[in-house]
Amino acid sequence: MSLTADRESGQLLGASMVGKEGVAHRIDSIVTALHAGMTTTDVEYLDLAYAPPFSPT
């Protein structure tokens, strides 16, 4: 994962992510942050839900 931001304001400008699993779910949060005009500090303090993968019993 790579985030690009303005050094002065902290404004999030873009992101890139590479992986085989879970990328779409993770990048959605960043896309939302970009659309909302969040800064890197705002993203740092996001409180996101997480549930580890469940395997069949």
Protein backbone atom coordinates (compact mmCIF):
# COMPACT_ATOMS: atom_id res chain seq x y z
CA MET A 1 0.00 0.00 0.00
CA SER A 2 1.21 3.44 -0.89
CA LEU A 3 -0.43 6.73 0.03
CA THR A 4 0.41 10.06 -1.60
CA ALA A 5 -0.24 13.28 0.30
CA ASP A 6 0.69 16.94 0.26
CA ARG A 7 3.60 17.44 2.66
CA GLU A 8 2.40 20.87 3.83
CA SER A 9 -1.31 20.26 4.41
CA GLY A 10 -1.43 16.49 4.84
CA GLN A 11 -4.19 16.36 2.21
CA LEU A 12 -4.53 12.83 0.84
CA LEU A 13 -3.96 12.93 -2.93
CA GLY A 14 -3.91 9.28 -4.01
CA ALA A 15 -3.22 5.68 -3.15
CA SER A 16 -2.13 2.41 -4.70
CA MET A 17 -2.40 -1.12 -3.41
CA VAL A 18 -1.22 -4.51 -4.67
CA GLY A 19 -2.26 -7.92 -3.42
CA LYS A 20 -4.14 -11.10 -4.18
CA GLU A 21 -6.83 -11.00 -1.50
CA GLY A 22 -8.68 -8.27 0.33
CA VAL A 23 -7.39 -5.37 -1.74
CA ALA A 24 -10.85 -4.25 -2.87
CA HIS A 25 -12.13 -4.04 0.70
CA ARG A 26 -9.10 -2.11 1.91
CA ILE A 27 -8.91 0.33 -1.00
CA ASP A 28 -12.60 1.21 -0.53
CA SER A 29 -11.76 2.93 2.75
CA ILE A 30 -9.05 4.99 1.08
CA VAL A 31 -11.33 5.91 -1.84
CA THR A 32 -13.89 7.13 0.68
CA ALA A 33 -11.20 9.17 2.45
CA LEU A 34 -10.13 10.73 -0.86
CA HIS A 35 -13.71 11.61 -1.75
CA ALA A 36 -14.25 13.16 1.70
CA GLY A 37 -11.08 15.28 1.39
CA MET A 38 -9.45 13.74 4.46
CA THR A 39 -5.89 14.38 5.56
CA THR A 40 -3.35 11.73 6.56
CA THR A 41 -4.13 12.47 10.22
CA ASP A 42 -7.84 11.91 9.58
CA VAL A 43 -7.07 8.53 7.96
CA GLU A 44 -4.77 7.59 10.83
CA TYR A 45 -7.62 7.98 13.30
CA LEU A 46 -10.33 6.17 11.31
CA ASP A 47 -12.08 3.58 13.44
CA LEU A 48 -12.79 0.74 11.02
CA ALA A 49 -14.44 -2.59 11.80
CA TYR A 50 -12.35 -5.71 11.29
CA ALA A 51 -13.26 -9.37 11.49
CA PRO A 52 -10.53 -11.93 10.91
CA PRO A 53 -11.24 -14.58 8.32
CA PHE A 54 -13.38 -17.40 9.64
CA SER A 55 -12.51 -20.94 8.62
CA PRO A 56 -15.00 -23.77 8.44
CA THR A 57 -15.17 -25.85 11.61
